[in-house]
């Protein structure tokens, strides 16, 4: 069954995009980085970044007022002069917004929302409202990349949010990094060191499989699990899962335990496929353990047929893809091909 997600209007040069602090208010400590992100977005896409009313009020205020963060989302949705929204940065407590979020407003005013990490909470509320959302870079991370936005990031954003609608194939990044950049004004032009791309690895599966994308950061999904914001079984059914881990560096066994929970819920039984992101902070040995854990849990769940591709470029390493959650995706293990219908 194909779920009828609403596709938000595309963004164009001249679009006004609201910058939202839905989690951490850390941005006020790195305003040079914020300005760099806004400037690079304007240069690459022609969008004007507009801070939401509470977005720059600082961590003390935003920590004490999760309702103000939700108000910013609602303001951006209802403001006819705002055409899209981008998360400024992640954090660890967007789950506190759940009592205040209005899914009817999301459904009534479908607009692009772009973010990752702790934005997983908000991304999934868009899917619960029946609106596509976009798992991709935030304003302070890849959009403000030191030395200029990476061409791989630019391509990913354009295909998902800007270009004429047509299917596209994902491909591995030619290089990647998890090095910390200098977020001061003085260091903004110093490019981070990148390592050559190491491609993706197809862990299992032979036949092509297709479904709508759903997922996000596993640590944040764990916080969301069991709350009213957790997606219904219908949203998980037939889906291609896109799962990534954060700079917290959960162990391979912990990832396996989370996946066992998904198996117990029936999520793995009903899923069509799995995109597993390159894990941040992992050694090659840990990555090999992770892959074994994923295969072990799928074997326990009777899903040795599920196509699984690992090391995909989204999440907490750079540069990252922009994944349209709710869009149809086909995994073809034999052709080593991932096709997206945005």
Protein backbone atom coordinates (compact mmCIF):
# COMPACT_ATOMS: atom_id res chain seq x y z
CA UNK A 1 0.00 0.00 0.00
CA UNK A 2 1.33 3.47 -0.95
CA UNK A 3 0.56 6.06 1.70
CA UNK A 4 -0.64 9.44 0.35
CA UNK A 5 1.93 11.86 1.77
CA UNK A 6 1.52 15.49 0.72
CA UNK A 7 4.60 16.89 -1.03
CA UNK A 8 5.43 20.47 0.09
CA UNK A 9 5.99 23.07 -2.65
CA UNK A 10 9.54 23.28 -3.98
CA UNK A 11 11.87 26.05 -2.85
CA UNK A 12 13.16 28.60 -5.37
CA UNK A 13 15.58 31.53 -5.48
CA UNK A 14 13.92 34.21 -3.38
CA UNK A 15 12.23 31.73 -1.03
CA UNK A 16 12.23 32.83 2.60
CA UNK A 17 13.25 29.97 4.91
CA UNK A 18 12.67 30.14 8.65
CA UNK A 19 15.56 29.12 10.90
CA UNK A 20 14.16 27.18 13.88
CA UNK A 21 15.72 26.29 17.25
CA UNK A 22 13.44 23.36 18.05
CA UNK A 23 16.01 21.80 20.38
CA UNK A 24 19.24 23.43 21.54
CA UNK A 25 19.51 27.22 21.78
CA UNK A 26 23.27 26.89 21.39
CA UNK A 27 23.24 29.11 18.29
CA UNK A 28 23.62 32.30 20.33
CA UNK A 29 27.10 31.11 21.33
CA UNK A 30 28.22 30.74 17.69
CA UNK A 31 26.53 33.59 15.86
CA UNK A 32 29.41 33.88 13.38
CA UNK A 33 28.63 30.32 12.31
CA UNK A 34 24.91 31.18 11.98
CA UNK A 35 25.75 34.12 9.75
CA UNK A 36 28.06 31.93 7.66
CA UNK A 37 25.28 29.39 7.17
CA UNK A 38 22.77 32.06 6.16
CA UNK A 39 25.26 33.58 3.73
CA UNK A 40 26.19 30.26 2.12
CA UNK A 41 22.52 29.28 1.75
CA UNK A 42 21.86 32.59 0.01
CA UNK A 43 24.86 32.10 -2.30
CA UNK A 44 24.06 28.49 -3.25
CA UNK A 45 20.25 28.50 -3.38
CA UNK A 46 19.14 32.11 -3.30
CA UNK A 47 17.09 31.61 -0.14
CA UNK A 48 16.76 34.23 2.57
CA UNK A 49 17.18 32.81 6.08
CA UNK A 50 14.71 34.38 8.52
CA UNK A 51 15.09 33.60 12.25
CA UNK A 52 11.84 32.54 13.91
CA UNK A 53 10.69 34.84 16.76
CA UNK A 54 12.22 32.71 19.55
CA UNK A 55 15.05 31.04 17.62
CA UNK A 56 17.82 33.36 18.84
CA UNK A 57 16.67 33.82 22.44
CA UNK A 58 19.39 31.57 23.85
CA UNK A 59 19.61 28.21 25.61
CA UNK A 60 18.33 29.33 29.01
CA UNK A 61 15.05 30.63 27.61
CA UNK A 62 14.47 27.82 25.11
CA UNK A 63 15.28 25.13 27.67
CA UNK A 64 12.67 26.59 30.02
CA UNK A 65 10.07 27.11 27.29
CA UNK A 66 9.61 24.14 24.93
CA UNK A 67 6.22 25.61 24.04
CA UNK A 68 8.02 28.65 22.55
CA UNK A 69 9.96 26.35 20.26
CA UNK A 70 6.73 24.73 19.08
CA UNK A 71 5.25 28.22 18.63
CA UNK A 72 8.07 29.01 16.21
CA UNK A 73 7.19 26.00 14.06
CA UNK A 74 3.53 27.02 14.06
CA UNK A 75 4.49 30.62 13.22
CA UNK A 76 6.50 29.47 10.22
CA UNK A 77 3.73 27.18 9.00
CA UNK A 78 1.05 29.88 9.17
CA UNK A 79 3.16 32.78 7.87
CA UNK A 80 2.44 33.20 4.15
CA UNK A 81 5.79 34.97 3.69
CA UNK A 82 7.70 31.88 4.88
CA UNK A 83 8.16 29.15 2.26
CA UNK A 84 10.21 26.56 4.16
CA UNK A 85 11.95 25.76 7.44
CA UNK A 86 15.41 24.56 8.45
CA UNK A 87 16.65 23.36 11.82
CA UNK A 88 19.51 25.48 13.15
CA UNK A 89 21.08 22.61 15.13
CA UNK A 90 20.10 19.41 16.92
CA UNK A 91 20.25 18.65 20.63
CA UNK A 92 18.63 16.11 22.89
CA UNK A 93 15.16 17.21 24.02
CA UNK A 94 12.84 17.85 21.05
CA UNK A 95 10.67 15.12 22.56
CA UNK A 96 9.54 17.79 25.05
CA UNK A 97 7.73 19.57 22.19
CA UNK A 98 5.22 16.75 21.69
CA UNK A 99 2.46 18.15 23.98
CA UNK A 100 2.56 21.46 22.10
CA UNK A 101 2.85 20.42 18.43
CA UNK A 102 -0.25 20.88 16.28
CA UNK A 103 -0.36 18.26 13.53
CA UNK A 104 -3.44 19.91 12.02
CA UNK A 105 -1.33 22.99 11.24
CA UNK A 106 1.35 20.85 9.62
CA UNK A 107 -1.32 19.19 7.48
CA UNK A 108 -3.06 22.47 6.61
CA UNK A 109 0.15 24.31 5.68
CA UNK A 110 2.58 21.80 4.14
CA UNK A 111 6.03 23.34 3.84
CA UNK A 112 9.56 21.99 3.54
CA UNK A 113 11.14 21.13 6.89
CA UNK A 114 14.85 20.20 6.76
CA UNK A 115 16.92 18.81 9.62
CA UNK A 116 18.45 15.72 11.24
CA UNK A 117 19.61 14.36 14.61
CA UNK A 118 17.18 15.58 17.31
CA UNK A 119 14.99 16.97 14.50
CA UNK A 120 13.96 13.32 14.03
CA UNK A 121 11.12 14.05 16.46
CA UNK A 122 9.72 16.84 14.27
CA UNK A 123 10.39 15.01 11.00
CA UNK A 124 8.26 12.11 12.17
CA UNK A 125 5.45 14.41 13.29
CA UNK A 126 5.29 15.66 9.70
CA UNK A 127 4.89 12.06 8.54
CA UNK A 128 2.21 11.50 11.18
CA UNK A 129 0.43 14.54 9.73
CA UNK A 130 0.70 13.03 6.25
CA UNK A 131 3.32 15.51 4.98
CA UNK A 132 6.75 14.66 3.55
CA UNK A 133 9.77 15.95 5.50
CA UNK A 134 13.46 16.11 4.69
CA UNK A 135 16.26 14.41 6.62
CA UNK A 136 19.32 16.46 5.78
CA UNK A 137 21.79 19.14 6.86
CA UNK A 138 21.06 21.78 9.47
CA UNK A 139 22.05 25.43 9.24
CA UNK A 140 25.08 25.21 11.57
CA UNK A 141 26.47 21.96 10.17
CA UNK A 142 26.79 21.11 6.46
CA UNK A 143 25.01 24.27 5.27
CA UNK A 144 27.69 26.33 7.04
CA UNK A 145 30.52 23.97 6.03
CA UNK A 146 33.99 25.42 6.54
CA UNK A 147 35.39 26.75 3.30
CA UNK A 148 32.02 26.62 1.54
CA UNK A 149 29.23 24.10 1.19
CA UNK A 150 30.37 20.73 -0.15
CA UNK A 151 29.18 20.04 -3.73
CA UNK A 152 27.74 16.68 -2.59
CA UNK A 153 25.59 18.49 -0.01
CA UNK A 154 24.48 21.08 -2.58
CA UNK A 155 23.50 18.36 -5.04
CA UNK A 156 21.52 16.50 -2.37
CA UNK A 157 19.57 19.57 -1.29
CA UNK A 158 18.84 20.61 -4.87
CA UNK A 159 17.52 17.20 -5.94
CA UNK A 160 15.30 16.85 -2.89
CA UNK A 161 13.99 20.41 -2.52
CA UNK A 162 14.65 22.54 -5.59
CA UNK A 163 15.02 20.80 -8.95
CA UNK A 164 12.18 19.76 -11.23
CA UNK A 165 10.56 16.63 -9.85
CA UNK A 166 12.07 13.50 -11.34
CA UNK A 167 13.53 10.24 -9.99
CA UNK A 168 17.19 10.28 -9.04
CA UNK A 169 19.72 7.70 -7.93
CA UNK A 170 21.74 8.06 -4.76
CA UNK A 171 25.48 7.60 -4.95
CA UNK A 172 28.26 7.41 -2.35
CA UNK A 173 30.08 10.60 -1.38
CA UNK A 174 33.51 10.91 -3.01
CA UNK A 175 35.01 11.89 0.34
CA UNK A 176 33.84 12.18 3.93
CA UNK A 177 34.80 13.51 7.33
CA UNK A 178 33.80 13.48 10.98
CA UNK A 179 36.49 15.97 11.99
CA UNK A 180 35.36 18.90 14.10
CA UNK A 181 35.52 22.22 12.27
CA UNK A 182 36.41 25.63 13.64
CA UNK A 183 33.11 27.50 14.13
CA UNK A 184 34.71 30.87 14.85
CA UNK A 185 34.69 33.68 12.30
CA UNK A 186 38.47 33.31 11.99
CA UNK A 187 38.28 29.59 11.26
CA UNK A 188 35.26 29.59 8.95
CA UNK A 189 37.39 29.55 5.79
CA UNK A 190 39.63 26.67 6.93
CA UNK A 191 38.43 23.49 5.24
CA UNK A 192 38.16 20.35 7.33
CA UNK A 193 40.30 17.30 6.40
CA UNK A 194 38.39 14.73 4.32
CA UNK A 195 39.19 11.07 3.70
CA UNK A 196 38.49 9.32 0.37
CA UNK A 197 35.01 7.84 0.16
CA UNK A 198 34.82 4.13 0.91
CA UNK A 199 31.52 3.41 -0.80
CA UNK A 200 28.55 1.48 0.51
CA UNK A 201 28.21 -2.17 1.44
CA UNK A 202 25.17 -4.27 0.58
CA UNK A 203 24.82 -6.59 3.57
CA UNK A 204 22.03 -8.83 2.30
CA UNK A 205 19.09 -9.18 -0.05
CA UNK A 206 18.81 -10.10 -3.72
CA UNK A 207 15.43 -8.98 -5.07
CA UNK A 208 14.55 -5.28 -5.46
CA UNK A 209 12.28 -3.82 -2.79
CA UNK A 210 10.40 -0.54 -2.65
CA UNK A 211 8.63 1.53 -0.01
CA UNK A 212 8.32 4.97 1.51
CA UNK A 213 11.24 6.32 3.56
CA UNK A 214 10.92 6.67 7.32
CA UNK A 215 13.49 6.88 10.12
CA UNK A 216 16.12 9.14 11.63
CA UNK A 217 18.57 9.10 14.52
CA UNK A 218 18.34 5.88 16.56
CA UNK A 219 19.07 7.56 19.90
CA UNK A 220 16.26 10.06 19.30
CA UNK A 221 13.93 7.32 18.09
CA UNK A 222 14.61 5.57 21.39
CA UNK A 223 13.45 8.69 23.27
CA UNK A 224 10.34 8.88 21.07
CA UNK A 225 9.47 5.19 21.33
CA UNK A 226 6.30 4.63 23.36
CA UNK A 227 5.20 8.28 23.32
CA UNK A 228 2.16 9.68 21.47
CA UNK A 229 4.59 10.90 18.81
CA UNK A 230 5.65 7.39 17.81
CA UNK A 231 4.49 6.54 14.26
CA UNK A 232 1.52 4.21 13.91
CA UNK A 233 1.99 0.67 12.57
CA UNK A 234 0.56 1.86 9.23
CA UNK A 235 3.42 4.34 8.86
CA UNK A 236 6.01 1.63 9.41
CA UNK A 237 4.31 -0.92 7.15
CA UNK A 238 6.05 -1.43 3.82
CA UNK A 239 8.63 1.25 4.61
CA UNK A 240 12.30 1.55 3.81
CA UNK A 241 13.95 2.38 7.13
CA UNK A 242 16.71 5.02 7.18
CA UNK A 243 18.60 4.70 10.49
CA UNK A 244 21.69 6.53 11.75
CA UNK A 245 23.63 7.01 14.98
CA UNK A 246 24.94 10.19 16.58
CA UNK A 247 28.17 11.45 18.11
CA UNK A 248 27.12 9.61 21.28
CA UNK A 249 28.60 6.54 19.53
CA UNK A 250 26.23 3.84 20.79
CA UNK A 251 27.84 0.42 20.77
CA UNK A 252 27.04 -2.09 18.01
CA UNK A 253 25.26 -4.25 20.56
CA UNK A 254 23.09 -1.30 21.65
CA UNK A 255 22.03 -0.78 18.05
CA UNK A 256 21.19 -4.46 17.94
CA UNK A 257 19.04 -4.14 21.07
CA UNK A 258 17.13 -1.22 19.53
CA UNK A 259 16.54 -3.26 16.38
CA UNK A 260 15.28 -6.14 18.49
CA UNK A 261 12.69 -3.74 19.89
CA UNK A 262 11.64 -2.94 16.31
CA UNK A 263 11.41 -6.66 15.63
CA UNK A 264 9.22 -7.14 18.71
CA UNK A 265 6.92 -4.34 17.49
CA UNK A 266 6.61 -6.01 14.09
CA UNK A 267 8.37 -3.12 12.37
CA UNK A 268 11.10 -5.30 10.86
CA UNK A 269 8.58 -7.90 9.76
CA UNK A 270 6.62 -5.32 7.77
CA UNK A 271 9.54 -3.21 6.47
CA UNK A 272 10.69 -3.35 2.84
CA UNK A 273 14.35 -2.47 3.30
CA UNK A 274 17.00 -0.72 5.38
CA UNK A 275 19.42 2.15 4.75
CA UNK A 276 22.07 2.16 7.46
CA UNK A 277 24.16 5.33 7.73
CA UNK A 278 27.91 5.49 8.15
CA UNK A 279 28.32 5.50 11.97
CA UNK A 280 30.18 8.44 13.47
CA UNK A 281 33.09 7.63 15.78
CA UNK A 282 33.27 3.93 14.89
CA UNK A 283 36.48 2.01 14.29
CA UNK A 284 36.52 -0.47 11.38
CA UNK A 285 36.15 -3.25 13.94
CA UNK A 286 33.06 -1.62 15.46
CA UNK A 287 31.55 -1.15 12.00
CA UNK A 288 32.05 -4.85 11.24
CA UNK A 289 30.38 -5.71 14.57
CA UNK A 290 27.50 -3.40 13.73
CA UNK A 291 26.92 -5.12 10.41
CA UNK A 292 26.95 -8.53 12.11
CA UNK A 293 24.43 -7.32 14.68
CA UNK A 294 22.08 -6.02 11.99
CA UNK A 295 22.25 -9.29 10.09
CA UNK A 296 21.79 -11.27 13.32
CA UNK A 297 18.63 -9.40 14.34
CA UNK A 298 17.15 -9.64 10.85
CA UNK A 299 17.88 -13.37 10.83
CA UNK A 300 16.14 -13.71 14.21
CA UNK A 301 13.15 -11.85 12.73
CA UNK A 302 13.05 -14.10 9.68
CA UNK A 303 14.03 -11.22 7.36
CA UNK A 304 17.16 -12.51 5.68
CA UNK A 305 15.46 -11.46 2.43
CA UNK A 306 15.41 -7.75 3.33
CA UNK A 307 17.75 -5.58 1.22
CA UNK A 308 20.19 -3.76 3.52
CA UNK A 309 22.77 -1.23 2.41
CA UNK A 310 25.25 0.14 4.97
CA UNK A 311 27.60 3.10 5.09
CA UNK A 312 25.13 5.45 3.38
CA UNK A 313 26.01 9.15 3.55
CA UNK A 314 23.39 10.65 5.84
CA UNK A 315 23.37 11.65 9.48
CA UNK A 316 26.34 12.60 11.63
CA UNK A 317 29.19 12.46 9.11
CA UNK A 318 29.75 14.96 6.29
CA UNK A 319 28.84 15.60 3.57
CA UNK A 320 25.35 14.18 3.86
CA UNK A 321 22.48 13.39 1.55
CA UNK A 322 19.05 14.97 1.85
CA UNK A 323 16.49 12.15 2.14
CA UNK A 324 12.82 12.95 1.45
CA UNK A 325 10.98 11.04 4.18
CA UNK A 326 7.65 9.80 2.86
CA UNK A 327 8.99 9.54 -0.70
CA UNK A 328 9.15 6.22 -2.52
CA UNK A 329 12.58 4.56 -2.64
CA UNK A 330 13.67 1.38 -4.38
CA UNK A 331 16.63 -0.70 -3.24
CA UNK A 332 18.10 -2.97 -5.92
CA UNK A 333 20.90 -5.12 -4.43
CA UNK A 334 21.81 -6.81 -7.70
CA UNK A 335 22.37 -3.49 -9.45
CA UNK A 336 23.73 -1.84 -6.29
CA UNK A 337 21.25 0.96 -6.94
CA UNK A 338 19.07 3.19 -4.77
CA UNK A 339 16.40 5.17 -6.65
CA UNK A 340 14.32 7.94 -5.08
CA UNK A 341 11.04 9.38 -6.35
CA UNK A 342 11.01 12.80 -4.60
